[in-house]
N, C-alpha and C. Protein backbone atom coordinates (compact mmCIF):
# COMPACT_ATOMS: atom_id res chain seq x y z
N PHE A 1 5.06 14.17 6.83
CA PHE A 1 5.07 13.62 5.50
C PHE A 1 4.86 12.12 5.59
N ALA A 2 4.61 11.53 4.44
CA ALA A 2 4.35 10.10 4.42
C ALA A 2 4.88 9.47 3.14
N PHE A 3 5.26 8.22 3.24
CA PHE A 3 5.58 7.39 2.09
C PHE A 3 4.45 6.38 1.96
N ASN A 4 3.84 6.32 0.81
CA ASN A 4 2.77 5.36 0.58
C ASN A 4 3.30 4.20 -0.26
N ALA A 5 2.90 3.01 0.10
CA ALA A 5 3.25 1.80 -0.67
C ALA A 5 1.96 1.06 -0.98
N ARG A 6 2.06 0.15 -1.93
CA ARG A 6 0.88 -0.58 -2.38
C ARG A 6 -0.26 0.40 -2.70
N TYR A 7 0.14 1.53 -3.27
CA TYR A 7 -0.79 2.61 -3.58
C TYR A 7 -1.60 2.25 -4.82
N TYR A 8 -2.91 2.19 -4.67
CA TYR A 8 -3.82 1.95 -5.79
C TYR A 8 -4.50 3.27 -6.18
N ASP A 9 -5.05 3.94 -5.17
CA ASP A 9 -5.63 5.27 -5.35
C ASP A 9 -5.71 5.91 -3.98
N GLU A 10 -6.30 7.12 -3.88
CA GLU A 10 -6.33 7.83 -2.59
C GLU A 10 -7.13 7.10 -1.52
N ASN A 11 -7.85 6.06 -1.89
CA ASN A 11 -8.66 5.31 -0.93
C ASN A 11 -8.10 3.94 -0.59
N ASN A 12 -6.97 3.57 -1.20
CA ASN A 12 -6.41 2.23 -0.99
C ASN A 12 -4.88 2.28 -1.00
N TYR A 13 -4.28 2.18 0.19
CA TYR A 13 -2.82 2.21 0.30
C TYR A 13 -2.40 1.89 1.73
N VAL A 14 -1.11 1.61 1.89
CA VAL A 14 -0.49 1.51 3.21
C VAL A 14 0.53 2.64 3.28
N SER A 15 0.70 3.24 4.44
CA SER A 15 1.49 4.46 4.56
C SER A 15 2.35 4.46 5.82
N CYS A 16 3.57 4.95 5.68
CA CYS A 16 4.41 5.27 6.84
C CYS A 16 4.36 6.77 7.00
N ASP A 17 3.78 7.23 8.12
CA ASP A 17 3.62 8.65 8.40
C ASP A 17 4.65 9.09 9.43
N PHE A 18 5.33 10.19 9.14
CA PHE A 18 6.37 10.72 10.01
C PHE A 18 6.00 12.12 10.46
N SER A 19 6.08 12.38 11.77
CA SER A 19 5.87 13.73 12.29
C SER A 19 6.95 13.98 13.34
N ASP A 20 6.92 15.13 13.98
CA ASP A 20 7.91 15.40 15.02
C ASP A 20 7.77 14.50 16.24
N GLY A 21 6.55 14.04 16.51
CA GLY A 21 6.33 13.29 17.75
C GLY A 21 6.01 11.82 17.59
N PHE A 22 5.86 11.33 16.35
CA PHE A 22 5.53 9.92 16.18
C PHE A 22 5.87 9.43 14.78
N VAL A 23 5.92 8.11 14.65
CA VAL A 23 5.99 7.41 13.38
C VAL A 23 4.86 6.40 13.40
N SER A 24 4.05 6.36 12.34
CA SER A 24 2.93 5.43 12.35
C SER A 24 2.80 4.69 11.03
N LEU A 25 2.24 3.50 11.12
CA LEU A 25 1.90 2.68 9.97
C LEU A 25 0.39 2.75 9.83
N THR A 26 -0.07 3.24 8.68
CA THR A 26 -1.48 3.50 8.44
C THR A 26 -1.94 2.71 7.22
N GLN A 27 -3.17 2.22 7.26
CA GLN A 27 -3.75 1.54 6.11
C GLN A 27 -5.10 2.16 5.78
N ARG A 28 -5.38 2.27 4.51
CA ARG A 28 -6.67 2.79 4.06
C ARG A 28 -7.19 1.82 3.00
N ILE A 29 -8.40 1.30 3.21
CA ILE A 29 -9.00 0.35 2.28
C ILE A 29 -10.41 0.82 1.96
N GLN A 30 -10.67 1.01 0.66
CA GLN A 30 -11.96 1.49 0.18
C GLN A 30 -12.42 2.75 0.93
N GLY A 31 -11.45 3.66 1.18
CA GLY A 31 -11.74 4.92 1.83
C GLY A 31 -11.86 4.85 3.34
N ARG A 32 -11.74 3.66 3.91
CA ARG A 32 -11.89 3.47 5.35
C ARG A 32 -10.50 3.33 5.97
N GLY A 33 -10.20 4.20 6.92
CA GLY A 33 -8.93 4.11 7.63
C GLY A 33 -8.98 3.02 8.70
N LEU A 34 -7.96 2.19 8.72
CA LEU A 34 -7.84 1.17 9.76
C LEU A 34 -7.06 1.76 10.92
N PRO A 35 -7.17 1.19 12.11
CA PRO A 35 -6.41 1.73 13.25
C PRO A 35 -4.90 1.75 12.96
N ASP A 36 -4.27 2.87 13.30
CA ASP A 36 -2.83 3.02 13.08
C ASP A 36 -2.05 2.22 14.11
N ILE A 37 -0.85 1.83 13.71
CA ILE A 37 0.14 1.33 14.67
C ILE A 37 1.10 2.50 14.82
N GLU A 38 1.16 3.08 16.01
CA GLU A 38 1.90 4.32 16.20
C GLU A 38 2.93 4.16 17.31
N VAL A 39 4.12 4.68 17.06
CA VAL A 39 5.17 4.70 18.07
C VAL A 39 5.50 6.16 18.35
N LEU A 40 5.38 6.56 19.61
CA LEU A 40 5.74 7.92 19.98
C LEU A 40 7.26 8.03 19.98
N GLN A 41 7.76 8.97 19.19
CA GLN A 41 9.20 9.15 19.10
C GLN A 41 9.48 10.57 18.61
N GLN A 42 10.37 11.26 19.29
CA GLN A 42 10.77 12.58 18.86
C GLN A 42 11.70 12.43 17.66
N THR A 43 11.25 12.91 16.49
CA THR A 43 12.03 12.73 15.27
C THR A 43 12.82 13.97 14.87
N GLY A 44 12.32 15.15 15.24
CA GLY A 44 12.98 16.40 14.85
C GLY A 44 12.95 16.67 13.36
N LEU A 45 12.04 16.02 12.63
CA LEU A 45 12.04 16.13 11.17
C LEU A 45 11.58 17.49 10.67
N THR A 46 10.71 18.19 11.38
CA THR A 46 10.26 19.49 10.87
C THR A 46 11.28 20.59 11.11
N SER A 47 12.35 20.30 11.83
CA SER A 47 13.39 21.31 12.04
C SER A 47 14.32 21.41 10.84
N GLY A 48 14.10 20.56 9.84
CA GLY A 48 14.92 20.61 8.63
C GLY A 48 16.11 19.67 8.66
N ARG A 49 16.21 18.84 9.67
CA ARG A 49 17.34 17.92 9.72
C ARG A 49 17.21 16.85 8.65
N GLU A 50 18.34 16.38 8.18
CA GLU A 50 18.34 15.29 7.21
C GLU A 50 18.18 13.97 7.94
N ALA A 51 17.44 13.07 7.35
CA ALA A 51 17.23 11.76 7.96
C ALA A 51 17.07 10.72 6.86
N LYS A 52 17.50 9.53 7.16
CA LYS A 52 17.29 8.41 6.25
C LYS A 52 15.99 7.73 6.69
N VAL A 53 14.95 7.87 5.87
CA VAL A 53 13.65 7.30 6.19
C VAL A 53 13.25 6.35 5.07
N GLY A 54 12.39 5.40 5.38
CA GLY A 54 11.98 4.48 4.34
C GLY A 54 10.84 3.58 4.75
N THR A 55 10.42 2.80 3.77
CA THR A 55 9.35 1.83 3.94
C THR A 55 9.84 0.51 3.38
N HIS A 56 9.57 -0.57 4.07
CA HIS A 56 9.94 -1.91 3.62
C HIS A 56 8.67 -2.75 3.63
N VAL A 57 8.32 -3.31 2.48
CA VAL A 57 7.11 -4.10 2.36
C VAL A 57 7.46 -5.48 1.82
N VAL A 58 7.08 -6.52 2.56
CA VAL A 58 7.29 -7.90 2.14
C VAL A 58 6.02 -8.68 2.42
N LYS A 59 5.44 -9.24 1.37
CA LYS A 59 4.21 -10.02 1.49
C LYS A 59 3.17 -9.27 2.30
N ASP A 60 2.84 -9.73 3.51
CA ASP A 60 1.81 -9.04 4.31
C ASP A 60 2.40 -8.26 5.49
N GLN A 61 3.69 -7.91 5.40
CA GLN A 61 4.35 -7.15 6.46
C GLN A 61 4.89 -5.83 5.91
N ALA A 62 4.78 -4.78 6.71
CA ALA A 62 5.34 -3.48 6.34
C ALA A 62 6.07 -2.90 7.55
N SER A 63 7.16 -2.21 7.28
CA SER A 63 7.94 -1.55 8.33
C SER A 63 8.26 -0.13 7.91
N CYS A 64 8.29 0.77 8.89
CA CYS A 64 8.67 2.16 8.68
C CYS A 64 10.04 2.37 9.32
N TYR A 65 10.95 2.97 8.57
CA TYR A 65 12.32 3.14 9.03
C TYR A 65 12.63 4.62 9.27
N LEU A 66 13.37 4.88 10.32
CA LEU A 66 13.89 6.21 10.62
C LEU A 66 15.36 6.07 10.95
N ASP A 67 16.19 6.85 10.30
CA ASP A 67 17.64 6.78 10.47
C ASP A 67 18.16 5.36 10.24
N GLY A 68 17.56 4.68 9.27
CA GLY A 68 18.01 3.34 8.88
C GLY A 68 17.58 2.22 9.79
N LYS A 69 16.74 2.50 10.80
CA LYS A 69 16.29 1.47 11.74
C LYS A 69 14.78 1.34 11.72
N PRO A 70 14.25 0.10 11.81
CA PRO A 70 12.79 -0.06 11.85
C PRO A 70 12.22 0.50 13.14
N VAL A 71 11.16 1.30 13.01
CA VAL A 71 10.51 1.91 14.17
C VAL A 71 9.14 1.28 14.39
N VAL A 72 8.42 1.03 13.31
CA VAL A 72 7.07 0.46 13.37
C VAL A 72 6.98 -0.68 12.37
N THR A 73 6.39 -1.80 12.78
CA THR A 73 6.17 -2.94 11.89
C THR A 73 4.76 -3.46 12.13
N GLY A 74 4.09 -3.85 11.05
CA GLY A 74 2.75 -4.38 11.20
C GLY A 74 2.33 -5.23 10.01
N THR A 75 1.17 -5.85 10.15
CA THR A 75 0.62 -6.71 9.11
C THR A 75 -0.30 -5.90 8.20
N ILE A 76 -0.15 -6.09 6.90
CA ILE A 76 -0.96 -5.40 5.90
C ILE A 76 -2.18 -6.26 5.58
N GLU A 77 -3.31 -5.61 5.43
CA GLU A 77 -4.53 -6.32 5.04
C GLU A 77 -4.37 -6.95 3.66
N LYS A 78 -5.01 -8.09 3.44
CA LYS A 78 -4.87 -8.82 2.18
C LYS A 78 -5.38 -8.03 0.98
N ASP A 79 -6.27 -7.06 1.19
CA ASP A 79 -6.77 -6.24 0.10
C ASP A 79 -5.68 -5.33 -0.50
N LEU A 80 -4.58 -5.15 0.20
CA LEU A 80 -3.48 -4.30 -0.25
C LEU A 80 -2.29 -5.14 -0.71
N GLU A 81 -2.52 -6.07 -1.60
CA GLU A 81 -1.45 -6.99 -1.99
C GLU A 81 -0.60 -6.47 -3.15
N HIS A 82 -0.98 -5.37 -3.79
CA HIS A 82 -0.16 -4.80 -4.86
C HIS A 82 -0.48 -3.31 -5.02
N GLY A 83 0.38 -2.62 -5.76
CA GLY A 83 0.17 -1.20 -6.01
C GLY A 83 1.49 -0.48 -6.16
N GLY A 84 1.43 0.81 -6.37
CA GLY A 84 2.62 1.63 -6.59
C GLY A 84 3.09 2.32 -5.32
N ILE A 85 3.88 3.39 -5.51
CA ILE A 85 4.38 4.17 -4.38
C ILE A 85 4.05 5.64 -4.62
N SER A 86 4.05 6.42 -3.55
CA SER A 86 3.86 7.87 -3.67
C SER A 86 4.36 8.54 -2.40
N PHE A 87 4.49 9.86 -2.47
CA PHE A 87 4.86 10.69 -1.33
C PHE A 87 3.68 11.58 -1.00
N LYS A 88 3.55 11.94 0.28
CA LYS A 88 2.48 12.84 0.70
C LYS A 88 3.05 13.84 1.70
N ILE A 89 2.78 15.12 1.48
CA ILE A 89 3.15 16.14 2.47
C ILE A 89 1.91 16.96 2.77
N TRP A 90 1.85 17.53 3.96
CA TRP A 90 0.69 18.34 4.36
C TRP A 90 1.12 19.32 5.43
N ASP A 91 0.28 20.29 5.65
CA ASP A 91 0.52 21.29 6.68
C ASP A 91 -0.84 21.69 7.24
N SER A 92 -0.94 21.81 8.55
CA SER A 92 -2.21 22.17 9.16
C SER A 92 -2.53 23.66 8.98
N GLU A 93 -1.53 24.45 8.61
CA GLU A 93 -1.74 25.88 8.35
C GLU A 93 -1.39 26.18 6.90
N ARG A 94 -1.81 27.34 6.43
CA ARG A 94 -1.56 27.71 5.04
C ARG A 94 -0.22 28.41 4.87
N LYS A 95 0.81 27.91 5.47
CA LYS A 95 2.12 28.53 5.30
C LYS A 95 3.00 27.74 4.34
N GLY A 96 2.56 26.58 3.94
CA GLY A 96 3.31 25.79 2.96
C GLY A 96 4.18 24.74 3.59
N THR A 97 4.45 23.72 2.82
CA THR A 97 5.32 22.64 3.26
C THR A 97 6.31 22.33 2.15
N MET A 98 7.39 21.63 2.54
CA MET A 98 8.39 21.23 1.57
C MET A 98 9.01 19.92 2.00
N LEU A 99 9.19 19.05 1.06
CA LEU A 99 9.90 17.79 1.27
C LEU A 99 10.98 17.73 0.21
N GLN A 100 12.22 17.66 0.65
CA GLN A 100 13.32 17.57 -0.30
C GLN A 100 13.85 16.15 -0.27
N VAL A 101 13.78 15.48 -1.40
CA VAL A 101 14.27 14.11 -1.53
C VAL A 101 15.62 14.18 -2.22
N LYS A 102 16.66 13.75 -1.53
CA LYS A 102 18.00 13.79 -2.11
C LYS A 102 18.34 12.50 -2.84
N LYS A 103 17.74 11.41 -2.41
CA LYS A 103 18.02 10.13 -3.07
C LYS A 103 16.83 9.21 -2.85
N ILE A 104 16.45 8.52 -3.90
CA ILE A 104 15.42 7.49 -3.75
C ILE A 104 15.97 6.21 -4.35
N GLN A 105 15.80 5.15 -3.62
CA GLN A 105 16.25 3.84 -4.08
C GLN A 105 15.10 2.87 -3.93
N ILE A 106 14.72 2.25 -5.02
CA ILE A 106 13.64 1.28 -5.00
C ILE A 106 14.18 -0.04 -5.51
N THR A 107 14.01 -1.09 -4.72
CA THR A 107 14.45 -2.41 -5.14
C THR A 107 13.29 -3.38 -4.98
N GLU A 108 13.23 -4.34 -5.86
CA GLU A 108 12.21 -5.36 -5.75
C GLU A 108 12.86 -6.71 -5.93
N ASN A 109 12.55 -7.58 -5.01
CA ASN A 109 13.10 -8.93 -5.02
C ASN A 109 12.05 -9.83 -4.37
N PRO A 110 11.70 -10.94 -4.98
CA PRO A 110 10.66 -11.80 -4.41
C PRO A 110 10.94 -12.22 -2.96
N GLN A 111 12.21 -12.32 -2.59
CA GLN A 111 12.53 -12.74 -1.23
C GLN A 111 12.66 -11.56 -0.27
N ILE A 112 12.95 -10.39 -0.81
CA ILE A 112 13.17 -9.23 0.05
C ILE A 112 11.95 -8.33 0.10
N GLY A 113 11.25 -8.17 -1.01
CA GLY A 113 10.10 -7.28 -1.05
C GLY A 113 10.46 -5.95 -1.67
N LEU A 114 9.71 -4.94 -1.34
CA LEU A 114 9.91 -3.61 -1.91
C LEU A 114 10.45 -2.68 -0.84
N ASN A 115 11.55 -2.04 -1.12
CA ASN A 115 12.17 -1.07 -0.21
C ASN A 115 12.19 0.27 -0.88
N PHE A 116 11.88 1.33 -0.16
CA PHE A 116 12.14 2.68 -0.65
C PHE A 116 12.23 3.61 0.50
């Protein structure tokens, strides 16, 4: 699954992608994917475990959080200076996927940035 920030449309956003084996920071600008910043880490997220995950965006920096700790941090391209948020789930097979969100907290502060 992924949390998208600075979401303008399906072709323009920054994303924190979470899988069982990695956490990555991804950017897409005008439909073109930029190289990911990826950290290999066993997350155990598809086993159904609960985890505190999030995205923190401040000016031109973004971080992906797992269990309340930053795992990946990188610089956002200047073309992604504003936008909304969204969630994305997918499955490589046709068996279905599910993401259960128990709590969402969004804060905005000029000095802190956007957290969710």
